[in-house]
C-alpha atoms as a PDB file:
ATOM      1  CA  MET A   1      28.506  13.954  13.499  1.00  0.00           C
ATOM      2  CA  ALA A   2      28.371  14.442   9.727  1.00  0.00           C
ATOM      3  CA  VAL A   3      25.187  15.977   8.410  1.00  0.00           C
ATOM      4  CA  ALA A   4      23.935  15.097   4.933  1.00  0.00           C
ATOM      5  CA  SER A   5      23.545  17.969   2.509  1.00  0.00           C
ATOM      6  CA  PRO A   6      20.020  18.703   1.232  1.00  0.00           C
ATOM      7  CA  LYS A   7      20.926  17.088  -2.104  1.00  0.00           C
ATOM      8  CA  GLN A   8      22.305  13.956  -0.430  1.00  0.00           C
ATOM      9  CA  ALA A   9      19.272  13.697   1.832  1.00  0.00           C
ATOM     10  CA  ALA A  10      16.920  13.988  -1.108  1.00  0.00           C
ATOM     11  CA  GLN A  11      18.754  11.343  -3.107  1.00  0.00           C
ATOM     12  CA  THR A  12      18.882   8.972  -0.134  1.00  0.00           C
ATOM     13  CA  ALA A  13      15.147   9.245   0.449  1.00  0.00           C
ATOM     14  CA  SER A  14      14.117   9.032  -3.168  1.00  0.00           C
ATOM     15  CA  VAL A  15      15.575   5.640  -3.969  1.00  0.00           C
ATOM     16  CA  ARG A  16      14.837   4.027  -0.613  1.00  0.00           C
ATOM     17  CA  ARG A  17      13.266   0.583  -0.805  1.00  0.00           C
ATOM     18  CA  PRO A  18      12.309  -1.709   2.081  1.00  0.00           C
ATOM     19  CA  ALA A  19      15.298  -3.592   3.475  1.00  0.00           C
ATOM     20  CA  ALA A  20      15.048  -7.268   4.365  1.00  0.00           C
ATOM     21  CA  ASP A  21      14.777  -6.506   8.084  1.00  0.00           C
ATOM     22  CA  GLU A  22      12.035  -3.926   7.479  1.00  0.00           C
ATOM     23  CA  SER A  23       9.705  -6.206   5.522  1.00  0.00           C
ATOM     24  CA  PRO A  24       8.261  -9.380   7.061  1.00  0.00           C
ATOM     25  CA  ALA A  25       7.747 -10.980   3.655  1.00  0.00           C
ATOM     26  CA  LYS A  26      11.034 -11.702   1.904  1.00  0.00           C
ATOM     27  CA  MET A  27       9.346 -13.502  -0.980  1.00  0.00           C
ATOM     28  CA  VAL A  28       6.446 -11.817  -2.732  1.00  0.00           C
ATOM     29  CA  PRO A  29       3.658 -14.247  -3.724  1.00  0.00           C
ATOM     30  CA  GLU A  30       3.283 -14.613  -7.477  1.00  0.00           C
ATOM     31  CA  PHE A  31       0.136 -13.440  -9.208  1.00  0.00           C
ATOM     32  CA  SER A  32      -2.045 -15.642 -11.366  1.00  0.00           C
ATOM     33  CA  LYS A  33      -2.571 -14.753 -15.009  1.00  0.00           C
ATOM     34  CA  ASP A  34      -5.910 -13.090 -14.238  1.00  0.00           C
ATOM     35  CA  GLN A  35      -4.414 -11.081 -11.383  1.00  0.00           C
ATOM     36  CA  GLU A  36      -1.509  -9.851 -13.501  1.00  0.00           C
ATOM     37  CA  LEU A  37      -3.787  -8.856 -16.381  1.00  0.00           C
ATOM     38  CA  THR A  38      -6.252  -7.139 -14.043  1.00  0.00           C
ATOM     39  CA  ALA A  39      -3.484  -5.198 -12.327  1.00  0.00           C
ATOM     40  CA  PHE A  40      -1.960  -4.241 -15.676  1.00  0.00           C
ATOM     41  CA  ARG A  41      -5.260  -2.936 -17.044  1.00  0.00           C
ATOM     42  CA  HIS A  42      -6.211  -0.986 -13.923  1.00  0.00           C
ATOM     43  CA  MET A  43      -2.788   0.595 -13.454  1.00  0.00           C
ATOM     44  CA  LEU A  44      -2.563   1.480 -17.139  1.00  0.00           C
ATOM     45  CA  ARG A  45      -6.000   3.095 -17.031  1.00  0.00           C
ATOM     46  CA  ILE A  46      -4.922   5.305 -14.139  1.00  0.00           C
ATOM     47  CA  ARG A  47      -1.707   6.316 -15.894  1.00  0.00           C
ATOM     48  CA  ARG A  48      -3.350   7.096 -19.237  1.00  0.00           C
ATOM     49  CA  PHE A  49      -6.076   9.030 -17.442  1.00  0.00           C
ATOM     50  CA  GLU A  50      -3.522  11.103 -15.547  1.00  0.00           C
ATOM     51  CA  GLU A  51      -1.487  11.735 -18.689  1.00  0.00           C
ATOM     52  CA  LYS A  52      -4.634  13.018 -20.399  1.00  0.00           C
ATOM     53  CA  ALA A  53      -5.493  15.159 -17.367  1.00  0.00           C
ATOM     54  CA  GLY A  54      -2.030  16.691 -17.596  1.00  0.00           C
ATOM     55  CA  GLN A  55      -2.640  17.503 -21.255  1.00  0.00           C
ATOM     56  CA  LEU A  56      -6.023  19.100 -20.544  1.00  0.00           C
ATOM     57  CA  TYR A  57      -4.480  21.150 -17.740  1.00  0.00           C
ATOM     58  CA  GLY A  58      -1.831  22.403 -20.126  1.00  0.00           C
ATOM     59  CA  MET A  59      -4.563  23.426 -22.566  1.00  0.00           C
ATOM     60  CA  GLY A  60      -6.301  25.449 -19.875  1.00  0.00           C
ATOM     61  CA  LEU A  61      -9.320  23.144 -19.689  1.00  0.00           C
ATOM     62  CA  ILE A  62      -8.625  22.164 -16.074  1.00  0.00           C
ATOM     63  CA  GLY A  63      -8.263  24.965 -13.555  1.00  0.00           C
ATOM     64  CA  GLY A  64      -7.156  25.179  -9.969  1.00  0.00           C
ATOM     65  CA  PHE A  65      -4.976  22.500  -8.435  1.00  0.00           C
ATOM     66  CA  CYS A  66      -4.253  19.170 -10.111  1.00  0.00           C
ATOM     67  CA  HIS A  67      -2.076  16.530  -8.430  1.00  0.00           C
ATOM     68  CA  LEU A  68      -1.218  13.574 -10.671  1.00  0.00           C
ATOM     69  CA  TYR A  69      -0.719   9.984  -9.478  1.00  0.00           C
ATOM     70  CA  ILE A  70       1.721   8.902 -12.200  1.00  0.00           C
ATOM     71  CA  GLY A  71       4.220   6.400 -10.776  1.00  0.00           C
ATOM     72  CA  GLU A  72       2.142   5.451  -7.726  1.00  0.00           C
ATOM     73  CA  GLU A  73      -0.466   3.270  -9.435  1.00  0.00           C
ATOM     74  CA  ALA A  74       0.514  -0.018  -7.774  1.00  0.00           C
ATOM     75  CA  VAL A  75      -0.488   1.220  -4.321  1.00  0.00           C
ATOM     76  CA  VAL A  76      -4.187   1.813  -4.838  1.00  0.00           C
ATOM     77  CA  VAL A  77      -4.629  -1.048  -7.321  1.00  0.00           C
ATOM     78  CA  GLY A  78      -3.004  -3.571  -4.981  1.00  0.00           C
ATOM     79  CA  MET A  79      -4.970  -2.358  -1.975  1.00  0.00           C
ATOM     80  CA  GLN A  80      -8.256  -2.399  -3.871  1.00  0.00           C
ATOM     81  CA  MET A  81      -7.768  -6.051  -4.823  1.00  0.00           C
ATOM     82  CA  VAL A  82      -8.531  -7.178  -1.250  1.00  0.00           C
ATOM     83  CA  LEU A  83     -11.621  -5.086  -0.520  1.00  0.00           C
ATOM     84  CA  LYS A  84     -15.244  -6.180  -0.532  1.00  0.00           C
ATOM     85  CA  PRO A  85     -18.498  -4.222  -0.970  1.00  0.00           C
ATOM     86  CA  GLY A  86     -19.109  -2.133   2.135  1.00  0.00           C
ATOM     87  CA  ASP A  87     -15.458  -1.279   2.760  1.00  0.00           C
ATOM     88  CA  GLN A  88     -14.613   2.410   2.533  1.00  0.00           C
ATOM     89  CA  VAL A  89     -11.821   4.410   0.921  1.00  0.00           C
ATOM     90  CA  ILE A  90     -10.857   7.980   1.756  1.00  0.00           C
ATOM     91  CA  THR A  91      -7.779   9.920   0.696  1.00  0.00           C
ATOM     92  CA  GLY A  92      -6.116  13.316   0.286  1.00  0.00           C
ATOM     93  CA  TYR A  93      -5.805  15.508  -2.771  1.00  0.00           C
ATOM     94  CA  ARG A  94      -3.823  13.150  -5.068  1.00  0.00           C
ATOM     95  CA  ASP A  95      -7.023  11.249  -5.590  1.00  0.00           C
ATOM     96  CA  HIS A  96      -7.885  10.519  -9.233  1.00  0.00           C
ATOM     97  CA  GLY A  97      -6.235   7.099  -9.147  1.00  0.00           C
ATOM     98  CA  HIS A  98      -8.200   6.111  -6.060  1.00  0.00           C
ATOM     99  CA  MET A  99     -11.476   7.079  -7.722  1.00  0.00           C
ATOM    100  CA  LEU A 100     -10.745   5.007 -10.807  1.00  0.00           C
ATOM    101  CA  ALA A 101      -9.569   2.035  -8.739  1.00  0.00           C
ATOM    102  CA  CYS A 102     -12.842   2.174  -6.776  1.00  0.00           C
ATOM    103  CA  GLY A 103     -14.760   1.815 -10.040  1.00  0.00           C
ATOM    104  CA  MET A 104     -15.914   5.395 -10.501  1.00  0.00           C
ATOM    105  CA  ASP A 105     -16.754   6.385 -14.082  1.00  0.00           C
ATOM    106  CA  PRO A 106     -13.789   8.055 -15.853  1.00  0.00           C
ATOM    107  CA  LYS A 107     -16.258  10.386 -17.577  1.00  0.00           C
ATOM    108  CA  GLY A 108     -17.582  11.675 -14.263  1.00  0.00           C
ATOM    109  CA  VAL A 109     -14.079  12.093 -12.831  1.00  0.00           C
ATOM    110  CA  MET A 110     -12.775  13.943 -15.880  1.00  0.00           C
ATOM    111  CA  ALA A 111     -15.914  16.074 -16.075  1.00  0.00           C
ATOM    112  CA  GLU A 112     -15.353  17.176 -12.511  1.00  0.00           C
ATOM    113  CA  LEU A 113     -11.783  18.119 -13.352  1.00  0.00           C
ATOM    114  CA  THR A 114     -13.068  20.386 -16.135  1.00  0.00           C
ATOM    115  CA  GLY A 115     -15.869  21.804 -13.995  1.00  0.00           C
ATOM    116  CA  ARG A 116     -18.852  20.335 -15.860  1.00  0.00           C
ATOM    117  CA  ARG A 117     -22.359  19.312 -14.808  1.00  0.00           C
ATOM    118  CA  GLY A 118     -21.633  15.632 -15.328  1.00  0.00           C
ATOM    119  CA  GLY A 119     -18.844  15.656 -12.750  1.00  0.00           C
ATOM    120  CA  TYR A 120     -19.140  13.739  -9.505  1.00  0.00           C
ATOM    121  CA  SER A 121     -19.543  16.996  -7.566  1.00  0.00           C
ATOM    122  CA  LYS A 122     -21.550  18.702 -10.326  1.00  0.00           C
ATOM    123  CA  GLY A 123     -18.472  20.587 -11.474  1.00  0.00           C
ATOM    124  CA  LYS A 124     -18.089  22.435  -8.176  1.00  0.00           C
ATOM    125  CA  GLY A 125     -15.447  20.359  -6.410  1.00  0.00           C
ATOM    126  CA  GLY A 126     -12.687  20.046  -8.953  1.00  0.00           C
ATOM    127  CA  SER A 127      -9.645  17.803  -8.702  1.00  0.00           C
ATOM    128  CA  MET A 128      -9.480  17.468  -4.926  1.00  0.00           C
ATOM    129  CA  HIS A 129     -13.124  17.043  -3.911  1.00  0.00           C
ATOM    130  CA  MET A 130     -15.131  14.216  -5.440  1.00  0.00           C
ATOM    131  CA  PHE A 131     -17.207  11.561  -3.740  1.00  0.00           C
ATOM    132  CA  SER A 132     -19.145   8.392  -4.519  1.00  0.00           C
ATOM    133  CA  VAL A 133     -20.866   6.697  -1.610  1.00  0.00           C
ATOM    134  CA  GLU A 134     -22.140   4.107  -4.102  1.00  0.00           C
ATOM    135  CA  LYS A 135     -18.549   3.053  -4.828  1.00  0.00           C
ATOM    136  CA  GLY A 136     -17.436   3.388  -1.205  1.00  0.00           C
ATOM    137  CA  PHE A 137     -15.268   6.419  -1.968  1.00  0.00           C
ATOM    138  CA  PHE A 138     -15.598   9.124   0.662  1.00  0.00           C
ATOM    139  CA  GLY A 139     -13.607  11.770  -1.048  1.00  0.00           C
ATOM    140  CA  GLY A 140     -10.406  13.404  -1.851  1.00  0.00           C
ATOM    141  CA  HIS A 141      -9.639  16.167   0.650  1.00  0.00           C
ATOM    142  CA  GLY A 142      -7.614  19.289   0.026  1.00  0.00           C
ATOM    143  CA  ILE A 143      -6.460  19.987   3.582  1.00  0.00           C
ATOM    144  CA  VAL A 144      -3.350  17.986   4.455  1.00  0.00           C
ATOM    145  CA  GLY A 145      -4.244  15.210   6.889  1.00  0.00           C
ATOM    146  CA  ALA A 146      -7.901  16.261   7.219  1.00  0.00           C
ATOM    147  CA  GLN A 147      -9.142  12.947   5.827  1.00  0.00           C
ATOM    148  CA  VAL A 148      -7.471  10.912   8.586  1.00  0.00           C
ATOM    149  CA  PRO A 149      -9.980  11.752  11.359  1.00  0.00           C
ATOM    150  CA  LEU A 150     -12.786  11.224   8.841  1.00  0.00           C
ATOM    151  CA  GLY A 151     -11.462   7.806   7.831  1.00  0.00           C
ATOM    152  CA  THR A 152     -11.157   6.940  11.500  1.00  0.00           C
ATOM    153  CA  GLY A 153     -14.779   8.007  11.918  1.00  0.00           C
ATOM    154  CA  LEU A 154     -15.823   5.672   9.117  1.00  0.00           C
ATOM    155  CA  ALA A 155     -14.138   2.851  11.008  1.00  0.00           C
ATOM    156  CA  PHE A 156     -15.964   3.896  14.188  1.00  0.00           C
ATOM    157  CA  ALA A 157     -19.274   3.686  12.282  1.00  0.00           C
ATOM    158  CA  ASN A 158     -18.390   0.166  11.170  1.00  0.00           C
ATOM    159  CA  LYS A 159     -17.702  -0.946  14.725  1.00  0.00           C
ATOM    160  CA  TYR A 160     -20.816   0.793  16.041  1.00  0.00           C
ATOM    161  CA  ARG A 161     -22.963  -0.975  13.453  1.00  0.00           C
ATOM    162  CA  GLY A 162     -21.357  -4.329  14.150  1.00  0.00           C
ATOM    163  CA  ASN A 163     -20.336  -5.109  10.585  1.00  0.00           C
ATOM    164  CA  ASP A 164     -16.956  -6.378   9.383  1.00  0.00           C
ATOM    165  CA  ASN A 165     -16.208  -3.515   6.993  1.00  0.00           C
ATOM    166  CA  VAL A 166     -12.788  -1.865   6.971  1.00  0.00           C
ATOM    167  CA  SER A 167     -11.846   1.749   6.295  1.00  0.00           C
ATOM    168  CA  LEU A 168      -8.794   2.332   4.095  1.00  0.00           C
ATOM    169  CA  THR A 169      -7.502   5.763   5.063  1.00  0.00           C
ATOM    170  CA  TYR A 170      -4.790   7.043   2.742  1.00  0.00           C
ATOM    171  CA  LEU A 171      -2.382   9.822   3.655  1.00  0.00           C
ATOM    172  CA  GLY A 172       0.872  11.156   2.286  1.00  0.00           C
ATOM    173  CA  ASP A 173       4.289  11.306   3.916  1.00  0.00           C
ATOM    174  CA  GLY A 174       3.802  15.020   4.569  1.00  0.00           C
ATOM    175  CA  ALA A 175       0.564  14.383   6.454  1.00  0.00           C
ATOM    176  CA  THR A 176       2.335  12.126   8.956  1.00  0.00           C
ATOM    177  CA  ASN A 177       3.643  15.239  10.716  1.00  0.00           C
ATOM    178  CA  GLN A 178       0.148  16.627  11.313  1.00  0.00           C
ATOM    179  CA  GLY A 179      -1.295  16.570  14.830  1.00  0.00           C
ATOM    180  CA  GLN A 180      -4.759  15.270  13.945  1.00  0.00           C
ATOM    181  CA  VAL A 181      -3.150  12.129  12.542  1.00  0.00           C
ATOM    182  CA  TYR A 182      -1.887  11.139  15.981  1.00  0.00           C
ATOM    183  CA  GLU A 183      -5.153  12.019  17.681  1.00  0.00           C
ATOM    184  CA  SER A 184      -6.760   9.611  15.216  1.00  0.00           C
ATOM    185  CA  PHE A 185      -4.152   6.919  15.889  1.00  0.00           C
ATOM    186  CA  ASN A 186      -4.835   7.198  19.614  1.00  0.00           C
ATOM    187  CA  MET A 187      -8.604   6.865  19.294  1.00  0.00           C
ATOM    188  CA  ALA A 188      -8.363   4.091  16.706  1.00  0.00           C
ATOM    189  CA  LYS A 189      -6.209   2.008  19.033  1.00  0.00           C
ATOM    190  CA  LEU A 190      -8.185   2.898  22.143  1.00  0.00           C
ATOM    191  CA  TRP A 191     -11.422   1.708  20.528  1.00  0.00           C
ATOM    192  CA  HIS A 192      -9.873  -1.030  18.330  1.00  0.00           C
ATOM    193  CA  LEU A 193     -11.300   0.463  15.153  1.00  0.00           C
ATOM    194  CA  PRO A 194     -11.097  -1.415  11.820  1.00  0.00           C
ATOM    195  CA  VAL A 195      -8.963   1.085   9.923  1.00  0.00           C
ATOM    196  CA  VAL A 196      -5.872   0.583   7.771  1.00  0.00           C
ATOM    197  CA  TYR A 197      -3.781   3.730   7.500  1.00  0.00           C
ATOM    198  CA  VAL A 198      -2.009   3.632   4.136  1.00  0.00           C
ATOM    199  CA  ILE A 199       0.895   6.077   4.045  1.00  0.00           C
ATOM    200  CA  GLU A 200       1.784   6.786   0.422  1.00  0.00           C
ATOM    201  CA  ASN A 201       5.404   7.823   0.865  1.00  0.00           C
ATOM    202  CA  ASN A 202       6.368   9.193  -2.537  1.00  0.00           C
ATOM    203  CA  GLN A 203       9.565  10.571  -0.973  1.00  0.00           C
ATOM    204  CA  TYR A 204       8.695  14.276  -1.224  1.00  0.00           C
ATOM    205  CA  GLY A 205       6.251  16.488   0.655  1.00  0.00           C
ATOM    206  CA  MET A 206       5.716  19.183  -1.964  1.00  0.00           C
ATOM    207  CA  GLY A 207       9.359  20.082  -2.686  1.00  0.00           C
ATOM    208  CA  THR A 208      11.072  18.740   0.433  1.00  0.00           C
ATOM    209  CA  SER A 209      12.391  15.200   0.776  1.00  0.00           C
ATOM    210  CA  VAL A 210      11.233  13.059   3.682  1.00  0.00           C
ATOM    211  CA  ALA A 211      14.805  12.875   4.960  1.00  0.00           C
ATOM    212  CA  ARG A 212      14.860  16.645   5.443  1.00  0.00           C
ATOM    213  CA  ALA A 213      11.356  17.017   6.883  1.00  0.00           C
ATOM    214  CA  SER A 214      11.000  14.020   9.209  1.00  0.00           C
ATOM    215  CA  ALA A 215      13.149  13.179  12.205  1.00  0.00           C
ATOM    216  CA  THR A 216      12.417   9.477  11.620  1.00  0.00           C
ATOM    217  CA  VAL A 217      12.027   8.295   8.047  1.00  0.00           C
ATOM    218  CA  ASN A 218      10.522   4.875   8.796  1.00  0.00           C
ATOM    219  CA  LEU A 219       6.955   6.162   8.777  1.00  0.00           C
ATOM    220  CA  SER A 220       5.470   2.711   9.332  1.00  0.00           C
ATOM    221  CA  GLN A 221       6.592   2.993  12.950  1.00  0.00           C
ATOM    222  CA  ARG A 222       4.763   6.253  13.637  1.00  0.00           C
ATOM    223  CA  GLY A 223       2.098   4.307  15.527  1.00  0.00           C
ATOM    224  CA  ARG A 224       4.478   2.535  17.927  1.00  0.00           C
ATOM    225  CA  SER A 225       3.641   4.726  20.914  1.00  0.00           C
ATOM    226  CA  PHE A 226       0.010   3.664  20.440  1.00  0.00           C
ATOM    227  CA  GLU A 227       0.990  -0.004  19.926  1.00  0.00           C
ATOM    228  CA  ILE A 228      -0.313   0.069  16.353  1.00  0.00           C
ATOM    229  CA  PRO A 229       1.532  -2.480  14.196  1.00  0.00           C
ATOM    230  CA  GLY A 230       3.063  -1.219  10.979  1.00  0.00           C
ATOM    231  CA  GLU A 231       5.301  -2.295   8.134  1.00  0.00           C
ATOM    232  CA  GLN A 232       7.029  -0.895   5.087  1.00  0.00           C
ATOM    233  CA  VAL A 233       6.037  -2.199   1.679  1.00  0.00           C
ATOM    234  CA  ASP A 234       7.525  -1.895  -1.797  1.00  0.00           C
ATOM    235  CA  GLY A 235       4.786   0.309  -3.182  1.00  0.00           C
ATOM    236  CA  MET A 236       6.100  -0.057  -6.725  1.00  0.00           C
ATOM    237  CA  ASP A 237       5.321  -3.809  -6.790  1.00  0.00           C
ATOM    238  CA  VAL A 238       1.580  -4.483  -6.929  1.00  0.00           C
ATOM    239  CA  ARG A 239       2.118  -8.038  -5.644  1.00  0.00           C
ATOM    240  CA  ALA A 240       3.856  -6.777  -2.507  1.00  0.00           C
ATOM    241  CA  VAL A 241       1.075  -4.251  -1.967  1.00  0.00           C
ATOM    242  CA  LYS A 242      -1.650  -6.898  -2.224  1.00  0.00           C
ATOM    243  CA  ALA A 243       0.203  -9.267   0.104  1.00  0.00           C
ATOM    244  CA  ALA A 244       0.522  -6.550   2.746  1.00  0.00           C
ATOM    245  CA  ALA A 245      -3.092  -5.490   2.196  1.00  0.00           C
ATOM    246  CA  ASP A 246      -4.319  -9.050   2.730  1.00  0.00           C
ATOM    247  CA  LYS A 247      -2.662  -9.113   6.145  1.00  0.00           C
ATOM    248  CA  ALA A 248      -3.663  -5.614   7.254  1.00  0.00           C
ATOM    249  CA  VAL A 249      -7.296  -5.780   6.098  1.00  0.00           C
ATOM    250  CA  LYS A 250      -7.715  -9.229   7.682  1.00  0.00           C
ATOM    251  CA  TRP A 251      -6.304  -7.795  10.920  1.00  0.00           C
ATOM    252  CA  GLY A 252      -8.915  -5.057  10.939  1.00  0.00           C
ATOM    253  CA  ARG A 253     -11.791  -7.257   9.788  1.00  0.00           C
ATOM    254  CA  GLU A 254     -11.174  -9.668  12.648  1.00  0.00           C
ATOM    255  CA  GLY A 255     -11.483  -6.921  15.253  1.00  0.00           C
ATOM    256  CA  ASN A 256      -7.815  -6.407  16.088  1.00  0.00           C
ATOM    257  CA  GLY A 257      -7.873  -2.652  15.551  1.00  0.00           C
ATOM    258  CA  PRO A 258      -5.816  -0.319  13.345  1.00  0.00           C
ATOM    259  CA  TYR A 259      -2.826  -1.166  11.165  1.00  0.00           C
ATOM    260  CA  ILE A 260      -0.296   1.038   9.361  1.00  0.00           C
ATOM    261  CA  LEU A 261       1.163   0.293   5.935  1.00  0.00           C
ATOM    262  CA  GLU A 262       3.875   2.584   4.617  1.00  0.00           C
ATOM    263  CA  MET A 263       4.013   2.283   0.834  1.00  0.00           C
ATOM    264  CA  LEU A 264       7.429   3.287  -0.499  1.00  0.00           C
ATOM    265  CA  THR A 265       6.498   4.716  -3.862  1.00  0.00           C
ATOM    266  CA  TYR A 266       7.506   7.602  -6.132  1.00  0.00           C
ATOM    267  CA  ARG A 267       5.806  10.295  -8.167  1.00  0.00           C
ATOM    268  CA  TYR A 268       7.277  11.071 -11.568  1.00  0.00           C
ATOM    269  CA  ARG A 269       5.675  14.489 -11.931  1.00  0.00           C
ATOM    270  CA  GLY A 270       5.903  17.524  -9.667  1.00  0.00           C
ATOM    271  CA  HIS A 271       3.824  17.878  -6.522  1.00  0.00           C
ATOM    272  CA  SER A 272       1.120  19.497  -8.632  1.00  0.00           C
ATOM    273  CA  MET A 273       0.891  20.699 -12.218  1.00  0.00           C
ATOM    274  CA  SER A 274       2.362  24.051 -11.170  1.00  0.00           C
ATOM    275  CA  ASP A 275       5.506  22.403  -9.761  1.00  0.00           C
ATOM    276  CA  PRO A 276       8.496  22.048 -12.163  1.00  0.00           C
ATOM    277  CA  ALA A 277      10.187  19.700  -9.634  1.00  0.00           C
ATOM    278  CA  LYS A 278      13.620  21.286  -9.987  1.00  0.00           C
ATOM    279  CA  TYR A 279      14.562  20.100  -6.496  1.00  0.00           C
ATOM    280  CA  ARG A 280      15.548  16.650  -7.764  1.00  0.00           C
ATOM    281  CA  PRO A 281      17.830  15.613 -10.632  1.00  0.00           C
ATOM    282  CA  LYS A 282      16.383  14.149 -13.812  1.00  0.00           C
ATOM    283  CA  GLU A 283      18.644  11.112 -13.349  1.00  0.00           C
ATOM    284  CA  GLU A 284      16.838  10.258 -10.139  1.00  0.00           C
ATOM    285  CA  VAL A 285      13.446  10.106 -11.834  1.00  0.00           C
ATOM    286  CA  ASP A 286      14.868   8.167 -14.785  1.00  0.00           C
ATOM    287  CA  LYS A 287      16.421   5.602 -12.441  1.00  0.00           C
ATOM    288  CA  VAL A 288      13.086   4.868 -10.775  1.00  0.00           C
ATOM    289  CA  ARG A 289      11.277   4.722 -14.131  1.00  0.00           C
ATOM    290  CA  THR A 290      13.865   2.293 -15.493  1.00  0.00           C
ATOM    291  CA  GLU A 291      14.265   0.023 -12.477  1.00  0.00           C
ATOM    292  CA  HIS A 292      11.003   0.197 -10.517  1.00  0.00           C
ATOM    293  CA  ASP A 293       8.121   1.321 -12.734  1.00  0.00           C
ATOM    294  CA  PRO A 294       5.021  -0.533 -11.446  1.00  0.00           C
ATOM    295  CA  ILE A 295       3.406  -1.023 -14.842  1.00  0.00           C
ATOM    296  CA  GLU A 296       6.563  -2.121 -16.619  1.00  0.00           C
ATOM    297  CA  GLN A 297       7.184  -4.716 -13.901  1.00  0.00           C
ATOM    298  CA  VAL A 298       3.804  -6.301 -14.626  1.00  0.00           C
ATOM    299  CA  ARG A 299       4.315  -6.039 -18.385  1.00  0.00           C
ATOM    300  CA  SER A 300       7.650  -7.823 -18.086  1.00  0.00           C
ATOM    301  CA  ARG A 301       6.188 -10.657 -16.000  1.00  0.00           C
ATOM    302  CA  LEU A 302       3.248 -11.112 -18.380  1.00  0.00           C
ATOM    303  CA  LEU A 303       5.638 -11.532 -21.296  1.00  0.00           C
ATOM    304  CA  LYS A 304       8.191 -13.719 -19.481  1.00  0.00           C
ATOM    305  CA  ARG A 305       5.560 -16.096 -18.100  1.00  0.00           C
ATOM    306  CA  GLY A 306       3.743 -16.388 -21.402  1.00  0.00           C
ATOM    307  CA  PHE A 307       0.525 -14.880 -20.037  1.00  0.00           C
ATOM    308  CA  ALA A 308       0.349 -12.395 -22.917  1.00  0.00           C
ATOM    309  CA  ASN A 309       2.285 -11.287 -25.979  1.00  0.00           C
ATOM    310  CA  GLU A 310       3.149  -7.786 -27.163  1.00  0.00           C
ATOM    311  CA  ASP A 311       0.134  -7.598 -29.476  1.00  0.00           C
ATOM    312  CA  ALA A 312      -2.257  -8.472 -26.658  1.00  0.00           C
ATOM    313  CA  LEU A 313      -0.762  -5.843 -24.365  1.00  0.00           C
ATOM    314  CA  LYS A 314      -0.896  -3.241 -27.123  1.00  0.00           C
ATOM    315  CA  LYS A 315      -4.574  -4.080 -27.556  1.00  0.00           C
ATOM    316  CA  VAL A 316      -5.181  -3.493 -23.836  1.00  0.00           C
ATOM    317  CA  ASP A 317      -3.402  -0.149 -24.112  1.00  0.00           C
ATOM    318  CA  ALA A 318      -5.527   0.801 -27.116  1.00  0.00           C
ATOM    319  CA  GLU A 319      -8.715  -0.089 -25.242  1.00  0.00           C
ATOM    320  CA  VAL A 320      -7.624   1.940 -22.233  1.00  0.00           C
ATOM    321  CA  ARG A 321      -6.734   4.930 -24.401  1.00  0.00           C
ATOM    322  CA  ALA A 322     -10.150   4.756 -26.036  1.00  0.00           C
ATOM    323  CA  ILE A 323     -11.869   4.878 -22.635  1.00  0.00           C
ATOM    324  CA  VAL A 324      -9.753   7.846 -21.546  1.00  0.00           C
ATOM    325  CA  ASN A 325     -10.268   9.699 -24.834  1.00  0.00           C
ATOM    326  CA  GLU A 326     -14.012   9.167 -24.546  1.00  0.00           C
ATOM    327  CA  ALA A 327     -13.891  10.586 -21.011  1.00  0.00           C
ATOM    328  CA  ALA A 328     -11.951  13.619 -22.207  1.00  0.00           C
ATOM    329  CA  GLU A 329     -14.374  14.166 -25.075  1.00  0.00           C
ATOM    330  CA  PHE A 330     -17.322  14.048 -22.681  1.00  0.00           C
ATOM    331  CA  ALA A 331     -15.599  16.338 -20.191  1.00  0.00           C
ATOM    332  CA  THR A 332     -14.818  19.022 -22.735  1.00  0.00           C
ATOM    333  CA  ASN A 333     -18.274  19.051 -24.327  1.00  0.00           C
ATOM    334  CA  ASP A 334     -20.520  18.677 -21.299  1.00  0.00           C
ATOM    335  CA  ALA A 335     -22.312  21.834 -20.145  1.00  0.00           C
ATOM    336  CA  GLU A 336     -21.003  23.950 -17.297  1.00  0.00           C
ATOM    337  CA  PRO A 337     -23.151  24.234 -14.161  1.00  0.00           C
ATOM    338  CA  GLU A 338     -25.802  26.928 -13.967  1.00  0.00           C
ATOM    339  CA  ALA A 339     -24.959  29.912 -11.766  1.00  0.00           C
ATOM    340  CA  ALA A 340     -27.757  28.854  -9.399  1.00  0.00           C
ATOM    341  CA  GLU A 341     -25.704  25.753  -8.520  1.00  0.00           C
ATOM    342  CA  LEU A 342     -23.590  28.003  -6.306  1.00  0.00           C
ATOM    343  CA  TYR A 343     -26.407  27.854  -3.754  1.00  0.00           C
ATOM    344  CA  THR A 344     -27.215  24.137  -3.884  1.00  0.00           C
ATOM    345  CA  ASP A 345     -25.665  21.423  -1.682  1.00  0.00           C
ATOM    346  CA  VAL A 346     -24.175  24.030   0.628  1.00  0.00           C
ATOM    347  CA  TYR A 347     -25.928  22.618   3.718  1.00  0.00           C
ATOM    348  CA  LYS A 348     -27.217  19.117   4.236  1.00  0.00           C
END
């Protein structure tokens, strides 16, 4: 049996999109004008925010780890479009986009990145650890897969309280090989918990392609032994994400138990800001940017369908840039926490 070389395996995984027999929806429902414009604005805000965060990191204003979400914006924006107040979101360490999609203030997010008092964790959590119960965001988490049992616990609380809220529990492709993920799957199915596990498969766990690290690359089927339904979704098309989210969230809200969505997406930057991403060719990244970029797909549809012209879209971009620049200005001028803050919020 021929074995693919590491380079071939990486290239195969990186451009993989859902095949017709892997996706139940062959035709993606069109968005209305309002939906397209909303998706465009929210995705663009995440991208501009992350670009600015990358700049501030390069200037030494952001320390520690910093994992950017550039290229993956359609996943969280599409999922968020189907939620209602009371639903919960929890994710791993590539979390800035999720915070912004949940409606958290860009100033507070950026201030946390720079370690300032006005940050969501008072400048003590940094990139990977911010929370907002008010916005239904239960944190980014730095330990791979650690958020999955917590997200399952949120779903248990919903069932215990008898409400119809759903927990969106995000995890990366690398986390799908962690043991606590399968313990969570088992309990979620056993107790029919209202949780949607959203696997953000950006094709690489740190520097290793999914094809080299996982015996089975269709991660949507990782719940089969627990009889948890799952499907692969084009995570670069916000319409496909929303359509899948509608089905999965409805499934959980109606008491049918857990559901798995594998979002086939792609990150343009390295795993973190310290990763030069030399394990993949530049042509691979350029191909995805050219053919599958989530924001450019929406921009193209807006123009083709006459929902907006170039000037209107440039105005949206200018407005988004102004919001991000204001957040950066706040984050670089806000005061740092007092030394005494080291001893606060340690125990609850």
